[in-house]
Amino acid sequence: MGEMRMLGRLSEALSVPWVRSSLILGGVLAAIGVVLVLIFKFFNLAGSPLFMDAKAFIMEYGLVGIFLATILAGTVVPVGSPALVVAAASFGVHPLLLAIVATAGFTVGMTINYALAYGLGRPFVLKKLGMERLEEISALWNHWGWVIYTLFGIIPVLPVEFLALFCGLIKARFSRFLILSFIPRLIVFALLAYFGVQLGWWLGIM
């Protein structure tokens, strides 16, 4: 009975239009990424001068760029932080350090969202999300609580930054917010960085 109820709630969450569209967009972008990787491999672009210059730049400044990009990704700016982590790792940026830096940046961005919603209140959140989306998030939160926040944090294509705004609006416990912003995304970025390393070896970049 409990499992059926959980599946029903999950189905309800996935039926929300902006959740479903985020998953579809993530699938489309992943497919495009696979095609680009295959093209890169087929034409053996790893040794081109332009590519080598890009690799040198990323190796020197990549962590700073990732940190700044993931701060933006933690706010409502879709900069594709998962793809950036994979790309940086494939270029040779240390995967563990990369995962920690990316997670720190993302958590800073999420905290900015939390603080803005906490301080500026409902008018600010309504301006960012709209009434319909805010009501849908409120319904998801009432059913799932912190579970939905953690789930959104683990699935990279879901806009967990929207939930960060909601957490600030309802003044959710900040210590729990920080922990559940950092740990799920650290797991995700660590897995993506490891995948990026394997991808880099396969493409002959590293």
N, C-alpha and C. Protein backbone atom coordinates (compact mmCIF):
# COMPACT_ATOMS: atom_id res chain seq x y z
N MET A 1 0.83 -1.21 0.00
CA MET A 1 0.00 0.00 0.00
C MET A 1 0.86 1.25 0.00
N GLY A 2 1.92 1.24 0.83
CA GLY A 2 2.81 2.39 0.90
C GLY A 2 3.54 2.61 -0.41
N GLU A 3 3.95 1.50 -1.07
CA GLU A 3 4.65 1.62 -2.35
C GLU A 3 3.73 2.18 -3.42
N MET A 4 2.48 1.75 -3.44
CA MET A 4 1.52 2.27 -4.41
C MET A 4 1.28 3.75 -4.21
N ARG A 5 1.22 4.15 -2.95
CA ARG A 5 1.02 5.57 -2.66
C ARG A 5 2.23 6.40 -3.11
N MET A 6 3.43 5.84 -2.89
CA MET A 6 4.65 6.53 -3.32
C MET A 6 4.71 6.66 -4.83
N LEU A 7 4.35 5.58 -5.54
CA LEU A 7 4.35 5.61 -7.00
C LEU A 7 3.32 6.61 -7.52
N GLY A 8 2.18 6.67 -6.82
CA GLY A 8 1.16 7.63 -7.22
C GLY A 8 1.64 9.06 -7.08
N ARG A 9 2.34 9.33 -5.98
CA ARG A 9 2.87 10.68 -5.77
C ARG A 9 3.95 11.00 -6.79
N LEU A 10 4.80 10.00 -7.10
CA LEU A 10 5.84 10.22 -8.10
C LEU A 10 5.23 10.51 -9.46
N SER A 11 4.18 9.75 -9.81
CA SER A 11 3.48 9.99 -11.06
C SER A 11 2.88 11.38 -11.09
N GLU A 12 2.37 11.81 -9.95
CA GLU A 12 1.80 13.17 -9.85
C GLU A 12 2.88 14.22 -10.08
N ALA A 13 4.06 13.99 -9.49
CA ALA A 13 5.16 14.94 -9.66
C ALA A 13 5.59 15.01 -11.12
N LEU A 14 5.67 13.86 -11.80
CA LEU A 14 6.12 13.82 -13.18
C LEU A 14 5.07 14.36 -14.15
N SER A 15 3.81 14.45 -13.69
CA SER A 15 2.75 14.96 -14.55
C SER A 15 2.71 16.49 -14.58
N VAL A 16 3.45 17.14 -13.68
CA VAL A 16 3.50 18.60 -13.68
C VAL A 16 4.19 19.06 -14.96
N PRO A 17 3.57 19.95 -15.74
CA PRO A 17 4.09 20.29 -17.07
C PRO A 17 5.55 20.73 -17.09
N TRP A 18 5.97 21.60 -16.18
CA TRP A 18 7.35 22.09 -16.23
C TRP A 18 8.34 21.03 -15.78
N VAL A 19 7.91 20.07 -14.95
CA VAL A 19 8.78 18.94 -14.60
C VAL A 19 8.95 18.03 -15.81
N ARG A 20 7.84 17.72 -16.47
CA ARG A 20 7.88 16.85 -17.64
C ARG A 20 8.69 17.48 -18.77
N SER A 21 8.51 18.79 -19.00
CA SER A 21 9.25 19.46 -20.08
C SER A 21 10.75 19.52 -19.76
N SER A 22 11.10 19.63 -18.47
CA SER A 22 12.51 19.63 -18.08
C SER A 22 13.16 18.29 -18.37
N LEU A 23 12.42 17.20 -18.09
CA LEU A 23 12.93 15.86 -18.37
C LEU A 23 13.09 15.63 -19.88
N ILE A 24 12.12 16.09 -20.66
CA ILE A 24 12.19 15.94 -22.12
C ILE A 24 13.35 16.73 -22.68
N LEU A 25 13.50 17.98 -22.22
CA LEU A 25 14.61 18.81 -22.68
C LEU A 25 15.94 18.19 -22.32
N GLY A 26 16.04 17.64 -21.11
CA GLY A 26 17.27 16.97 -20.70
C GLY A 26 17.60 15.79 -21.59
N GLY A 27 16.57 15.01 -21.97
CA GLY A 27 16.78 13.88 -22.87
C GLY A 27 17.23 14.32 -24.24
N VAL A 28 16.64 15.40 -24.75
CA VAL A 28 17.03 15.92 -26.07
C VAL A 28 18.48 16.42 -26.05
N LEU A 29 18.84 17.16 -25.00
CA LEU A 29 20.21 17.68 -24.90
C LEU A 29 21.22 16.54 -24.75
N ALA A 30 20.85 15.50 -24.01
CA ALA A 30 21.74 14.34 -23.87
C ALA A 30 21.95 13.67 -25.21
N ALA A 31 20.89 13.55 -26.01
CA ALA A 31 21.01 12.93 -27.34
C ALA A 31 21.90 13.77 -28.25
N ILE A 32 21.73 15.10 -28.18
CA ILE A 32 22.59 15.98 -28.98
C ILE A 32 24.05 15.83 -28.56
N GLY A 33 24.26 15.73 -27.24
CA GLY A 33 25.62 15.55 -26.73
C GLY A 33 26.26 14.28 -27.25
N VAL A 34 25.49 13.19 -27.28
CA VAL A 34 26.01 11.91 -27.79
C VAL A 34 26.41 12.05 -29.25
N VAL A 35 25.57 12.72 -30.05
CA VAL A 35 25.87 12.91 -31.47
C VAL A 35 27.15 13.72 -31.64
N LEU A 36 27.30 14.79 -30.86
CA LEU A 36 28.50 15.63 -30.97
C LEU A 36 29.76 14.85 -30.58
N VAL A 37 29.65 14.02 -29.56
CA VAL A 37 30.79 13.21 -29.14
C VAL A 37 31.19 12.23 -30.24
N LEU A 38 30.21 11.61 -30.88
CA LEU A 38 30.49 10.66 -31.96
C LEU A 38 31.13 11.36 -33.15
N ILE A 39 30.65 12.56 -33.46
CA ILE A 39 31.26 13.35 -34.54
C ILE A 39 32.70 13.68 -34.20
N PHE A 40 32.92 14.09 -32.96
CA PHE A 40 34.27 14.43 -32.49
C PHE A 40 35.20 13.23 -32.63
N LYS A 41 34.71 12.05 -32.23
CA LYS A 41 35.50 10.83 -32.31
C LYS A 41 35.77 10.44 -33.76
N PHE A 42 34.74 10.53 -34.60
CA PHE A 42 34.86 10.11 -35.99
C PHE A 42 35.89 10.95 -36.75
N PHE A 43 35.88 12.27 -36.50
CA PHE A 43 36.80 13.16 -37.22
C PHE A 43 38.14 13.35 -36.49
N ASN A 44 38.27 12.68 -35.34
CA ASN A 44 39.53 12.70 -34.58
C ASN A 44 40.03 14.13 -34.36
N LEU A 45 39.20 14.93 -33.71
CA LEU A 45 39.52 16.35 -33.53
C LEU A 45 40.42 16.62 -32.33
N ALA A 46 40.78 15.58 -31.58
CA ALA A 46 41.53 15.80 -30.34
C ALA A 46 42.89 16.44 -30.58
N GLY A 47 43.48 16.19 -31.74
CA GLY A 47 44.83 16.72 -31.97
C GLY A 47 44.88 18.05 -32.69
N SER A 48 43.74 18.65 -32.99
CA SER A 48 43.74 19.91 -33.73
C SER A 48 44.30 21.04 -32.86
N PRO A 49 45.04 22.01 -33.46
CA PRO A 49 45.63 23.12 -32.68
C PRO A 49 44.60 23.91 -31.88
N LEU A 50 43.44 24.16 -32.50
CA LEU A 50 42.41 24.93 -31.80
C LEU A 50 41.95 24.19 -30.55
N PHE A 51 41.80 22.89 -30.69
CA PHE A 51 41.36 22.08 -29.56
C PHE A 51 42.42 22.05 -28.46
N MET A 52 43.67 21.95 -28.85
CA MET A 52 44.75 21.91 -27.86
C MET A 52 44.84 23.23 -27.10
N ASP A 53 44.60 24.34 -27.82
CA ASP A 53 44.58 25.65 -27.15
C ASP A 53 43.43 25.73 -26.14
N ALA A 54 42.28 25.20 -26.54
CA ALA A 54 41.12 25.20 -25.64
C ALA A 54 41.39 24.34 -24.41
N LYS A 55 42.05 23.20 -24.62
CA LYS A 55 42.38 22.33 -23.50
C LYS A 55 43.33 23.03 -22.52
N ALA A 56 44.35 23.72 -23.05
CA ALA A 56 45.29 24.44 -22.18
C ALA A 56 44.58 25.52 -21.38
N PHE A 57 43.64 26.21 -22.01
CA PHE A 57 42.90 27.27 -21.32
C PHE A 57 42.05 26.68 -20.20
N ILE A 58 41.37 25.57 -20.48
CA ILE A 58 40.50 24.95 -19.48
C ILE A 58 41.31 24.39 -18.32
N MET A 59 42.47 23.82 -18.63
CA MET A 59 43.32 23.28 -17.57
C MET A 59 43.80 24.39 -16.63
N GLU A 60 43.98 25.59 -17.17
CA GLU A 60 44.49 26.69 -16.34
C GLU A 60 43.38 27.43 -15.61
N TYR A 61 42.26 27.65 -16.28
CA TYR A 61 41.20 28.48 -15.71
C TYR A 61 39.88 27.74 -15.49
N GLY A 62 39.87 26.44 -15.76
CA GLY A 62 38.61 25.70 -15.76
C GLY A 62 37.88 25.71 -14.43
N LEU A 63 38.60 25.56 -13.32
CA LEU A 63 37.93 25.49 -12.02
C LEU A 63 37.26 26.82 -11.66
N VAL A 64 37.91 27.92 -12.00
CA VAL A 64 37.31 29.23 -11.75
C VAL A 64 36.04 29.39 -12.57
N GLY A 65 36.13 29.00 -13.85
CA GLY A 65 34.97 29.10 -14.73
C GLY A 65 33.83 28.21 -14.27
N ILE A 66 34.16 26.99 -13.85
CA ILE A 66 33.14 26.07 -13.36
C ILE A 66 32.47 26.63 -12.11
N PHE A 67 33.26 27.18 -11.21
CA PHE A 67 32.71 27.74 -9.98
C PHE A 67 31.72 28.87 -10.29
N LEU A 68 32.11 29.78 -11.18
CA LEU A 68 31.23 30.90 -11.52
C LEU A 68 29.99 30.42 -12.27
N ALA A 69 30.19 29.46 -13.19
CA ALA A 69 29.06 28.95 -13.97
C ALA A 69 28.06 28.23 -13.09
N THR A 70 28.54 27.48 -12.11
CA THR A 70 27.62 26.74 -11.25
C THR A 70 26.92 27.65 -10.25
N ILE A 71 27.53 28.77 -9.91
CA ILE A 71 26.80 29.76 -9.11
C ILE A 71 25.58 30.25 -9.91
N LEU A 72 25.81 30.54 -11.19
CA LEU A 72 24.69 30.96 -12.04
C LEU A 72 23.66 29.85 -12.19
N ALA A 73 24.14 28.60 -12.31
CA ALA A 73 23.23 27.47 -12.45
C ALA A 73 22.40 27.26 -11.20
N GLY A 74 22.93 27.62 -10.06
CA GLY A 74 22.19 27.50 -8.81
C GLY A 74 21.09 28.53 -8.68
N THR A 75 21.22 29.64 -9.41
CA THR A 75 20.11 30.59 -9.51
C THR A 75 19.27 30.14 -10.70
N VAL A 76 18.36 30.97 -11.17
CA VAL A 76 17.48 30.54 -12.26
C VAL A 76 18.10 30.91 -13.60
N VAL A 77 19.34 30.45 -13.83
CA VAL A 77 20.04 30.69 -15.09
C VAL A 77 20.48 29.35 -15.65
N PRO A 78 19.84 28.86 -16.71
CA PRO A 78 20.15 27.51 -17.23
C PRO A 78 21.45 27.49 -18.03
N VAL A 79 22.59 27.31 -17.35
CA VAL A 79 23.88 27.33 -18.04
C VAL A 79 24.43 25.93 -18.28
N GLY A 80 23.68 24.89 -17.95
CA GLY A 80 24.11 23.54 -18.27
C GLY A 80 25.30 23.06 -17.48
N SER A 81 25.25 23.20 -16.15
CA SER A 81 26.40 22.83 -15.32
C SER A 81 26.79 21.35 -15.44
N PRO A 82 25.86 20.39 -15.58
CA PRO A 82 26.29 19.00 -15.75
C PRO A 82 27.18 18.80 -16.97
N ALA A 83 26.81 19.42 -18.09
CA ALA A 83 27.62 19.31 -19.31
C ALA A 83 28.99 19.95 -19.12
N LEU A 84 29.04 21.06 -18.38
CA LEU A 84 30.32 21.72 -18.12
C LEU A 84 31.24 20.84 -17.29
N VAL A 85 30.68 20.15 -16.31
CA VAL A 85 31.47 19.26 -15.47
C VAL A 85 32.04 18.11 -16.29
N VAL A 86 31.20 17.50 -17.14
CA VAL A 86 31.66 16.41 -18.00
C VAL A 86 32.77 16.90 -18.92
N ALA A 87 32.56 18.07 -19.52
CA ALA A 87 33.55 18.59 -20.46
C ALA A 87 34.88 18.89 -19.77
N ALA A 88 34.81 19.54 -18.59
CA ALA A 88 36.05 19.88 -17.87
C ALA A 88 36.80 18.63 -17.45
N ALA A 89 36.08 17.61 -17.00
CA ALA A 89 36.73 16.36 -16.59
C ALA A 89 37.36 15.67 -17.79
N SER A 90 36.70 15.72 -18.93
CA SER A 90 37.23 15.07 -20.13
C SER A 90 38.50 15.76 -20.63
N PHE A 91 38.65 17.04 -20.30
CA PHE A 91 39.86 17.78 -20.67
C PHE A 91 41.01 17.50 -19.71
N GLY A 92 40.73 16.89 -18.57
CA GLY A 92 41.80 16.53 -17.65
C GLY A 92 41.77 17.24 -16.32
N VAL A 93 40.75 18.06 -16.05
CA VAL A 93 40.62 18.69 -14.74
C VAL A 93 40.40 17.59 -13.70
N HIS A 94 41.08 17.69 -12.56
CA HIS A 94 41.00 16.65 -11.54
C HIS A 94 39.55 16.41 -11.14
N PRO A 95 39.03 15.18 -11.27
CA PRO A 95 37.59 14.95 -11.08
C PRO A 95 37.07 15.23 -9.68
N LEU A 96 37.82 14.86 -8.65
CA LEU A 96 37.34 15.09 -7.29
C LEU A 96 37.31 16.57 -6.97
N LEU A 97 38.38 17.26 -7.32
CA LEU A 97 38.43 18.71 -7.10
C LEU A 97 37.35 19.41 -7.91
N LEU A 98 37.16 18.94 -9.13
CA LEU A 98 36.12 19.50 -9.99
C LEU A 98 34.74 19.34 -9.37
N ALA A 99 34.44 18.14 -8.86
CA ALA A 99 33.13 17.89 -8.26
C ALA A 99 32.90 18.77 -7.04
N ILE A 100 33.94 18.94 -6.22
CA ILE A 100 33.80 19.77 -5.01
C ILE A 100 33.58 21.23 -5.37
N VAL A 101 34.38 21.73 -6.32
CA VAL A 101 34.25 23.14 -6.73
C VAL A 101 32.89 23.40 -7.37
N ALA A 102 32.46 22.49 -8.25
CA ALA A 102 31.17 22.66 -8.91
C ALA A 102 30.03 22.62 -7.90
N THR A 103 30.12 21.71 -6.94
CA THR A 103 29.08 21.61 -5.91
C THR A 103 29.06 22.85 -5.03
N ALA A 104 30.23 23.35 -4.68
CA ALA A 104 30.30 24.57 -3.87
C ALA A 104 29.66 25.74 -4.60
N GLY A 105 29.98 25.88 -5.88
CA GLY A 105 29.39 26.97 -6.67
C GLY A 105 27.88 26.83 -6.77
N PHE A 106 27.42 25.62 -7.03
CA PHE A 106 25.97 25.40 -7.14
C PHE A 106 25.27 25.69 -5.82
N THR A 107 25.88 25.30 -4.73
CA THR A 107 25.28 25.53 -3.41
C THR A 107 25.24 27.02 -3.10
N VAL A 108 26.27 27.76 -3.50
CA VAL A 108 26.25 29.21 -3.33
C VAL A 108 25.08 29.82 -4.10
N GLY A 109 24.91 29.37 -5.35
CA GLY A 109 23.79 29.87 -6.16
C GLY A 109 22.44 29.55 -5.54
N MET A 110 22.31 28.34 -5.03
CA MET A 110 21.06 27.95 -4.37
C MET A 110 20.80 28.79 -3.13
N THR A 111 21.87 29.07 -2.40
CA THR A 111 21.75 29.87 -1.18
C THR A 111 21.35 31.30 -1.50
N ILE A 112 21.85 31.82 -2.63
CA ILE A 112 21.43 33.15 -3.08
C ILE A 112 19.93 33.16 -3.33
N ASN A 113 19.42 32.12 -4.01
CA ASN A 113 17.98 32.02 -4.24
C ASN A 113 17.21 31.98 -2.93
N TYR A 114 17.68 31.15 -2.02
CA TYR A 114 17.03 31.01 -0.71
C TYR A 114 16.99 32.38 0.00
N ALA A 115 18.13 33.06 0.02
CA ALA A 115 18.23 34.33 0.74
C ALA A 115 17.34 35.40 0.11
N LEU A 116 17.30 35.46 -1.22
CA LEU A 116 16.46 36.45 -1.90
C LEU A 116 14.98 36.20 -1.61
N ALA A 117 14.58 34.94 -1.68
CA ALA A 117 13.18 34.62 -1.40
C ALA A 117 12.84 34.86 0.07
N TYR A 118 13.78 34.53 0.95
CA TYR A 118 13.59 34.73 2.39
C TYR A 118 13.41 36.22 2.69
N GLY A 119 14.27 37.04 2.08
CA GLY A 119 14.26 38.47 2.39
C GLY A 119 13.19 39.26 1.66
N LEU A 120 12.95 38.91 0.38
CA LEU A 120 12.04 39.71 -0.44
C LEU A 120 10.62 39.16 -0.46
N GLY A 121 10.46 37.91 -0.05
CA GLY A 121 9.13 37.37 0.16
C GLY A 121 8.37 36.97 -1.10
N ARG A 122 7.08 36.83 -0.93
CA ARG A 122 6.20 36.27 -1.96
C ARG A 122 6.19 37.07 -3.27
N PRO A 123 6.19 38.40 -3.26
CA PRO A 123 6.18 39.13 -4.54
C PRO A 123 7.38 38.78 -5.42
N PHE A 124 8.55 38.64 -4.80
CA PHE A 124 9.75 38.29 -5.56
C PHE A 124 9.62 36.88 -6.15
N VAL A 125 9.16 35.93 -5.35
CA VAL A 125 9.04 34.54 -5.82
C VAL A 125 7.99 34.44 -6.91
N LEU A 126 6.89 35.16 -6.75
CA LEU A 126 5.85 35.15 -7.79
C LEU A 126 6.38 35.72 -9.10
N LYS A 127 7.20 36.74 -9.01
CA LYS A 127 7.78 37.32 -10.22
C LYS A 127 8.69 36.32 -10.92
N LYS A 128 9.40 35.50 -10.14
CA LYS A 128 10.34 34.53 -10.71
C LYS A 128 9.62 33.27 -11.23
N LEU A 129 8.60 32.82 -10.50
CA LEU A 129 7.98 31.54 -10.81
C LEU A 129 6.60 31.63 -11.44
N GLY A 130 5.86 32.67 -11.07
CA GLY A 130 4.47 32.75 -11.50
C GLY A 130 3.58 32.01 -10.51
N MET A 131 2.31 32.39 -10.48
CA MET A 131 1.39 31.81 -9.50
C MET A 131 1.17 30.31 -9.72
N GLU A 132 0.97 29.91 -10.98
CA GLU A 132 0.67 28.50 -11.26
C GLU A 132 1.83 27.59 -10.84
N ARG A 133 3.04 27.98 -11.20
CA ARG A 133 4.19 27.15 -10.85
C ARG A 133 4.41 27.12 -9.34
N LEU A 134 4.21 28.27 -8.69
CA LEU A 134 4.37 28.31 -7.23
C LEU A 134 3.36 27.39 -6.55
N GLU A 135 2.13 27.37 -7.04
CA GLU A 135 1.11 26.49 -6.46
C GLU A 135 1.46 25.02 -6.69
N GLU A 136 2.01 24.71 -7.86
CA GLU A 136 2.40 23.32 -8.15
C GLU A 136 3.55 22.88 -7.24
N ILE A 137 4.52 23.78 -7.04
CA ILE A 137 5.64 23.46 -6.14
C ILE A 137 5.14 23.28 -4.72
N SER A 138 4.21 24.13 -4.31
CA SER A 138 3.64 24.02 -2.96
C SER A 138 2.94 22.67 -2.77
N ALA A 139 2.21 22.23 -3.80
CA ALA A 139 1.53 20.94 -3.73
C ALA A 139 2.53 19.79 -3.65
N LEU A 140 3.59 19.88 -4.45
CA LEU A 140 4.64 18.84 -4.40
C LEU A 140 5.29 18.81 -3.02
N TRP A 141 5.54 19.98 -2.48
CA TRP A 141 6.19 20.06 -1.16
C TRP A 141 5.28 19.49 -0.07
N ASN A 142 3.99 19.77 -0.16
CA ASN A 142 3.06 19.25 0.83
C ASN A 142 3.00 17.72 0.82
N HIS A 143 3.20 17.12 -0.35
CA HIS A 143 3.17 15.67 -0.46
C HIS A 143 4.50 15.02 -0.11
N TRP A 144 5.60 15.69 -0.49
CA TRP A 144 6.92 15.06 -0.40
C TRP A 144 7.84 15.70 0.64
N GLY A 145 7.71 17.00 0.87
CA GLY A 145 8.63 17.69 1.78
C GLY A 145 10.06 17.67 1.22
N TRP A 146 11.00 17.38 2.10
CA TRP A 146 12.41 17.42 1.71
C TRP A 146 12.77 16.32 0.72
N VAL A 147 11.94 15.29 0.63
CA VAL A 147 12.22 14.20 -0.33
C VAL A 147 12.23 14.75 -1.76
N ILE A 148 11.27 15.62 -2.09
CA ILE A 148 11.21 16.15 -3.45
C ILE A 148 12.41 17.06 -3.72
N TYR A 149 12.85 17.76 -2.70
CA TYR A 149 14.03 18.62 -2.86
C TYR A 149 15.26 17.78 -3.16
N THR A 150 15.42 16.68 -2.42
CA THR A 150 16.55 15.78 -2.63
C THR A 150 16.47 15.13 -4.01
N LEU A 151 15.27 14.70 -4.40
CA LEU A 151 15.08 14.06 -5.70
C LEU A 151 15.45 15.01 -6.84
N PHE A 152 15.03 16.26 -6.73
CA PHE A 152 15.36 17.25 -7.75
C PHE A 152 16.87 17.52 -7.77
N GLY A 153 17.51 17.44 -6.61
CA GLY A 153 18.95 17.66 -6.55
C GLY A 153 19.74 16.55 -7.20
N ILE A 154 19.20 15.32 -7.15
CA ILE A 154 19.91 14.17 -7.71
C ILE A 154 19.74 14.08 -9.23
N ILE A 155 18.60 14.53 -9.73
CA ILE A 155 18.35 14.47 -11.18
C ILE A 155 18.75 15.81 -11.80
N PRO A 156 19.87 15.86 -12.52
CA PRO A 156 20.44 17.15 -12.94
C PRO A 156 19.52 18.02 -13.78
N VAL A 157 18.63 17.41 -14.57
CA VAL A 157 17.83 18.21 -15.50
C VAL A 157 16.63 18.86 -14.82
N LEU A 158 16.32 18.47 -13.59
CA LEU A 158 15.17 19.06 -12.90
C LEU A 158 15.57 20.37 -12.22
N PRO A 159 14.73 21.38 -12.31
CA PRO A 159 15.08 22.72 -11.81
C PRO A 159 14.97 22.83 -10.29
N VAL A 160 15.93 22.25 -9.59
CA VAL A 160 15.93 22.31 -8.13
C VAL A 160 16.06 23.74 -7.63
N GLU A 161 16.60 24.63 -8.48
CA GLU A 161 16.73 26.04 -8.07
C GLU A 161 15.37 26.67 -7.80
N PHE A 162 14.30 26.18 -8.48
CA PHE A 162 12.96 26.67 -8.18
C PHE A 162 12.57 26.31 -6.75
N LEU A 163 12.92 25.11 -6.34
CA LEU A 163 12.60 24.67 -4.98
C LEU A 163 13.40 25.44 -3.94
N ALA A 164 14.61 25.90 -4.32
CA ALA A 164 15.39 26.72 -3.40
C ALA A 164 14.67 28.03 -3.11
N LEU A 165 14.05 28.60 -4.13
CA LEU A 165 13.25 29.81 -3.91
C LEU A 165 12.09 29.51 -2.96
N PHE A 166 11.44 28.38 -3.17
CA PHE A 166 10.31 28.02 -2.31
C PHE A 166 10.76 27.81 -0.87
N CYS A 167 11.93 27.17 -0.70
CA CYS A 167 12.45 26.96 0.66
C CYS A 167 12.69 28.28 1.37
N GLY A 168 13.22 29.26 0.63
CA GLY A 168 13.42 30.58 1.23
C GLY A 168 12.10 31.24 1.57
N LEU A 169 11.12 31.07 0.69
CA LEU A 169 9.81 31.68 0.91
C LEU A 169 9.15 31.15 2.18
N ILE A 170 9.22 29.84 2.39
CA ILE A 170 8.57 29.24 3.57
C ILE A 170 9.50 29.24 4.79
N LYS A 171 10.70 29.80 4.59
CA LYS A 171 11.69 29.88 5.68
C LYS A 171 12.01 28.49 6.25
N ALA A 172 12.28 27.57 5.32
CA ALA A 172 12.65 26.21 5.72
C ALA A 172 13.96 26.23 6.48
N ARG A 173 14.19 25.21 7.29
CA ARG A 173 15.39 25.16 8.13
C ARG A 173 16.64 25.27 7.26
N PHE A 174 17.47 26.27 7.54
CA PHE A 174 18.60 26.59 6.66
C PHE A 174 19.67 25.50 6.70
N SER A 175 19.94 24.93 7.87
CA SER A 175 20.97 23.90 7.96
C SER A 175 20.62 22.69 7.10
N ARG A 176 19.36 22.28 7.15
CA ARG A 176 18.92 21.15 6.32
C ARG A 176 18.97 21.52 4.84
N PHE A 177 18.59 22.76 4.55
CA PHE A 177 18.64 23.24 3.16
C PHE A 177 20.06 23.14 2.61
N LEU A 178 21.05 23.59 3.38
CA LEU A 178 22.44 23.54 2.93
C LEU A 178 22.91 22.10 2.70
N ILE A 179 22.61 21.24 3.65
CA ILE A 179 23.05 19.84 3.54
C ILE A 179 22.44 19.18 2.31
N LEU A 180 21.14 19.40 2.10
CA LEU A 180 20.45 18.74 1.00
C LEU A 180 20.66 19.46 -0.33
N SER A 181 21.26 20.63 -0.29
CA SER A 181 21.70 21.28 -1.53
C SER A 181 23.06 20.73 -1.94
N PHE A 182 23.92 20.49 -0.95
CA PHE A 182 25.31 20.11 -1.23
C PHE A 182 25.48 18.63 -1.54
N ILE A 183 24.98 17.76 -0.68
CA ILE A 183 25.30 16.33 -0.79
C ILE A 183 24.74 15.68 -2.06
N PRO A 184 23.45 15.84 -2.39
CA PRO A 184 22.97 15.22 -3.63
C PRO A 184 23.71 15.72 -4.86
N ARG A 185 23.99 17.02 -4.92
CA ARG A 185 24.67 17.56 -6.10
C ARG A 185 26.14 17.13 -6.14
N LEU A 186 26.76 16.94 -4.96
CA LEU A 186 28.13 16.42 -4.94
C LEU A 186 28.17 15.01 -5.53
N ILE A 187 27.19 14.19 -5.18
CA ILE A 187 27.12 12.83 -5.74
C ILE A 187 26.98 12.89 -7.25
N VAL A 188 26.08 13.75 -7.72
CA VAL A 188 25.83 13.87 -9.16
C VAL A 188 27.08 14.35 -9.89
N PHE A 189 27.70 15.42 -9.37
CA PHE A 189 28.87 15.97 -10.05
C PHE A 189 30.06 15.01 -10.00
N ALA A 190 30.19 14.24 -8.92
CA ALA A 190 31.27 13.25 -8.84
C ALA A 190 31.08 12.18 -9.91
N LEU A 191 29.85 11.71 -10.08
CA LEU A 191 29.56 10.70 -11.11
C LEU A 191 29.79 11.27 -12.51
N LEU A 192 29.37 12.51 -12.72
CA LEU A 192 29.56 13.14 -14.02
C LEU A 192 31.04 13.38 -14.31
N ALA A 193 31.80 13.76 -13.28
CA ALA A 193 33.24 13.97 -13.46
C ALA A 193 33.93 12.65 -13.81
N TYR A 194 33.54 11.58 -13.14
CA TYR A 194 34.12 10.26 -13.45
C TYR A 194 33.78 9.87 -14.89
N PHE A 195 32.52 10.11 -15.28
CA PHE A 195 32.14 9.83 -16.66
C PHE A 195 32.96 10.67 -17.63
N GLY A 196 33.19 11.93 -17.28
CA GLY A 196 33.98 12.80 -18.14
C GLY A 196 35.41 12.31 -18.32
N VAL A 197 36.00 11.78 -17.24
CA VAL A 197 37.36 11.22 -17.33
C VAL A 197 37.38 10.05 -18.32
N GLN A 198 36.41 9.15 -18.18
CA GLN A 198 36.35 8.00 -19.10
C GLN A 198 36.12 8.46 -20.53
N LEU A 199 35.29 9.47 -20.70
CA LEU A 199 35.03 10.02 -22.03
C LEU A 199 36.30 10.62 -22.62
N GLY A 200 37.06 11.33 -21.78
CA GLY A 200 38.30 11.93 -22.25
C GLY A 200 39.31 10.90 -22.73
N TRP A 201 39.42 9.79 -22.00
CA TRP A 201 40.31 8.71 -22.43
C TRP A 201 39.83 8.11 -23.75
N TRP A 202 38.53 7.90 -23.88
CA TRP A 202 37.98 7.28 -25.09
C TRP A 202 38.20 8.16 -26.31
N LEU A 203 38.06 9.49 -26.11
CA LEU A 203 38.21 10.42 -27.23
C LEU A 203 39.68 10.73 -27.53
N GLY A 204 40.57 10.29 -26.63
CA GLY A 204 41.99 10.59 -26.84
C GLY A 204 42.39 11.99 -26.44
N ILE A 205 41.59 12.61 -25.58
CA ILE A 205 41.89 13.99 -25.14
C ILE A 205 42.96 13.98 -24.05
N MET A 206 42.86 13.01 -23.14
CA MET A 206 43.73 13.00 -21.97
C MET A 206 45.04 12.25 -22.26
